[in-house]
Amino acid sequence: MKVMLLPADPAKPTSKLEVTSFDEIIKLVGGHTVPVPSVIVPDAQFTIFCDEDGIPRQLPWNPHCEGLRGNVVLAPLDWDAQLQAHKADIH
């Protein structure tokens, strides 16, 4: 599944990456990874993952996503189904 990494470091470019597990999304975010509730971004065409502990950990503000701290990953809305399908293909 393709995702977009939006790094908190403005010197680092955004990048499209291939992931095959939620663990890989966690590594990209770099912390306690949670999806941003759809009520916060109701018109989003993707799922937004961020570090839930960004504020207590005093992570830098993400220059690409106003109001979020740390690295952010954008994934398809059906990310869970895509990862499950990939997992089923392996077994």
C-alpha atoms as a PDB file:
ATOM      1  CA  MET A   1       0.000   0.000   0.000  1.00  0.00           C
ATOM      2  CA  LYS A   2       1.339   3.432  -0.882  1.00  0.00           C
ATOM      3  CA  VAL A   3       1.483   6.105   1.813  1.00  0.00           C
ATOM      4  CA  MET A   4       2.815   9.656   1.937  1.00  0.00           C
ATOM      5  CA  LEU A   5       5.251  10.628   4.690  1.00  0.00           C
ATOM      6  CA  LEU A   6       5.060  14.279   5.739  1.00  0.00           C
ATOM      7  CA  PRO A   7       8.125  14.817   7.940  1.00  0.00           C
ATOM      8  CA  ALA A   8       8.138  17.297  10.803  1.00  0.00           C
ATOM      9  CA  ASP A   9      11.596  18.457   9.737  1.00  0.00           C
ATOM     10  CA  PRO A  10      10.997  21.107   7.050  1.00  0.00           C
ATOM     11  CA  ALA A  11      14.429  20.341   5.555  1.00  0.00           C
ATOM     12  CA  LYS A  12      13.311  16.797   4.689  1.00  0.00           C
ATOM     13  CA  PRO A  13      11.156  16.241   1.598  1.00  0.00           C
ATOM     14  CA  THR A  14       7.803  14.517   1.605  1.00  0.00           C
ATOM     15  CA  SER A  15       7.999  11.024   0.193  1.00  0.00           C
ATOM     16  CA  LYS A  16       5.734   8.312  -1.208  1.00  0.00           C
ATOM     17  CA  LEU A  17       6.523   4.939   0.317  1.00  0.00           C
ATOM     18  CA  GLU A  18       5.252   1.383   0.114  1.00  0.00           C
ATOM     19  CA  VAL A  19       4.214  -0.240   3.414  1.00  0.00           C
ATOM     20  CA  THR A  20       2.935  -3.743   4.086  1.00  0.00           C
ATOM     21  CA  SER A  21       2.016  -3.502   7.782  1.00  0.00           C
ATOM     22  CA  PHE A  22       0.746  -1.134  10.434  1.00  0.00           C
ATOM     23  CA  ASP A  23       4.108  -1.587  12.183  1.00  0.00           C
ATOM     24  CA  GLU A  24       5.744   0.151   9.232  1.00  0.00           C
ATOM     25  CA  ILE A  25       3.347   3.099   9.611  1.00  0.00           C
ATOM     26  CA  ILE A  26       4.235   3.239  13.320  1.00  0.00           C
ATOM     27  CA  LYS A  27       7.950   3.384  12.450  1.00  0.00           C
ATOM     28  CA  LEU A  28       7.365   6.217   9.996  1.00  0.00           C
ATOM     29  CA  VAL A  29       5.359   8.249  12.520  1.00  0.00           C
ATOM     30  CA  GLY A  30       7.857   7.424  15.247  1.00  0.00           C
ATOM     31  CA  GLY A  31       5.573   7.230  18.253  1.00  0.00           C
ATOM     32  CA  HIS A  32       2.178   6.218  19.601  1.00  0.00           C
ATOM     33  CA  THR A  33       0.456   6.153  16.218  1.00  0.00           C
ATOM     34  CA  VAL A  34      -3.245   6.904  15.927  1.00  0.00           C
ATOM     35  CA  PRO A  35      -5.535   7.968  13.086  1.00  0.00           C
ATOM     36  CA  VAL A  36      -6.788  11.541  13.332  1.00  0.00           C
ATOM     37  CA  PRO A  37     -10.564  11.387  13.935  1.00  0.00           C
ATOM     38  CA  SER A  38     -12.627  12.242  10.861  1.00  0.00           C
ATOM     39  CA  VAL A  39     -14.498  14.917  12.825  1.00  0.00           C
ATOM     40  CA  ILE A  40     -11.279  16.946  12.916  1.00  0.00           C
ATOM     41  CA  VAL A  41     -10.724  16.657   9.145  1.00  0.00           C
ATOM     42  CA  PRO A  42     -14.191  15.746   7.818  1.00  0.00           C
ATOM     43  CA  ASP A  43     -13.402  16.154   4.104  1.00  0.00           C
ATOM     44  CA  ALA A  44     -10.138  14.225   4.110  1.00  0.00           C
ATOM     45  CA  GLN A  45      -9.685  11.897   1.165  1.00  0.00           C
ATOM     46  CA  PHE A  46      -7.191   9.796   3.151  1.00  0.00           C
ATOM     47  CA  THR A  47      -6.497   8.605   6.681  1.00  0.00           C
ATOM     48  CA  ILE A  48      -4.101  10.820   8.625  1.00  0.00           C
ATOM     49  CA  PHE A  49      -1.801   9.118  11.139  1.00  0.00           C
ATOM     50  CA  CYS A  50       0.116  11.089  13.745  1.00  0.00           C
ATOM     51  CA  ASP A  51       1.807  10.673  17.127  1.00  0.00           C
ATOM     52  CA  GLU A  52      -0.862  10.943  19.831  1.00  0.00           C
ATOM     53  CA  ASP A  53       1.828  12.029  22.303  1.00  0.00           C
ATOM     54  CA  GLY A  54       3.228  14.775  20.068  1.00  0.00           C
ATOM     55  CA  ILE A  55       2.341  17.591  22.472  1.00  0.00           C
ATOM     56  CA  PRO A  56       3.560  15.959  25.737  1.00  0.00           C
ATOM     57  CA  ARG A  57       6.738  14.850  23.933  1.00  0.00           C
ATOM     58  CA  GLN A  58       7.134  18.438  22.650  1.00  0.00           C
ATOM     59  CA  LEU A  59       7.630  17.276  19.066  1.00  0.00           C
ATOM     60  CA  PRO A  60       8.012  20.030  16.464  1.00  0.00           C
ATOM     61  CA  TRP A  61       4.928  21.256  14.638  1.00  0.00           C
ATOM     62  CA  ASN A  62       4.468  19.556  11.312  1.00  0.00           C
ATOM     63  CA  PRO A  63       4.842  22.191   8.569  1.00  0.00           C
ATOM     64  CA  HIS A  64       2.527  20.236   6.239  1.00  0.00           C
ATOM     65  CA  CYS A  65      -0.362  19.615   8.666  1.00  0.00           C
ATOM     66  CA  GLU A  66      -1.496  22.550  10.731  1.00  0.00           C
ATOM     67  CA  GLY A  67      -2.130  21.594  14.347  1.00  0.00           C
ATOM     68  CA  LEU A  68      -0.224  18.294  14.309  1.00  0.00           C
ATOM     69  CA  ARG A  69       3.192  17.577  15.759  1.00  0.00           C
ATOM     70  CA  GLY A  70       5.845  15.157  14.588  1.00  0.00           C
ATOM     71  CA  ASN A  71       5.855  13.059  11.442  1.00  0.00           C
ATOM     72  CA  VAL A  72       2.514  12.500   9.729  1.00  0.00           C
ATOM     73  CA  VAL A  73       1.569   9.652   7.393  1.00  0.00           C
ATOM     74  CA  LEU A  74      -1.277   9.849   4.877  1.00  0.00           C
ATOM     75  CA  ALA A  75      -2.800   6.500   3.913  1.00  0.00           C
ATOM     76  CA  PRO A  76      -5.806   5.461   1.805  1.00  0.00           C
ATOM     77  CA  LEU A  77      -9.170   5.572   3.551  1.00  0.00           C
ATOM     78  CA  ASP A  78      -9.367   1.777   3.273  1.00  0.00           C
ATOM     79  CA  TRP A  79      -5.845   1.296   4.677  1.00  0.00           C
ATOM     80  CA  ASP A  80      -6.890  -1.477   7.057  1.00  0.00           C
ATOM     81  CA  ALA A  81      -8.575  -3.520   4.309  1.00  0.00           C
ATOM     82  CA  GLN A  82      -5.559  -3.072   2.031  1.00  0.00           C
ATOM     83  CA  LEU A  83      -3.156  -4.288   4.714  1.00  0.00           C
ATOM     84  CA  GLN A  84      -5.428  -7.244   5.518  1.00  0.00           C
ATOM     85  CA  ALA A  85      -5.570  -8.159   1.822  1.00  0.00           C
ATOM     86  CA  HIS A  86      -1.779  -7.986   1.587  1.00  0.00           C
ATOM     87  CA  LYS A  87      -1.465 -10.188   4.670  1.00  0.00           C
ATOM     88  CA  ALA A  88      -3.885 -12.733   3.166  1.00  0.00           C
ATOM     89  CA  ASP A  89      -1.891 -12.784  -0.081  1.00  0.00           C
ATOM     90  CA  ILE A  90       1.251 -13.748   1.849  1.00  0.00           C
ATOM     91  CA  HIS A  91      -0.374 -16.683   3.622  1.00  0.00           C
END
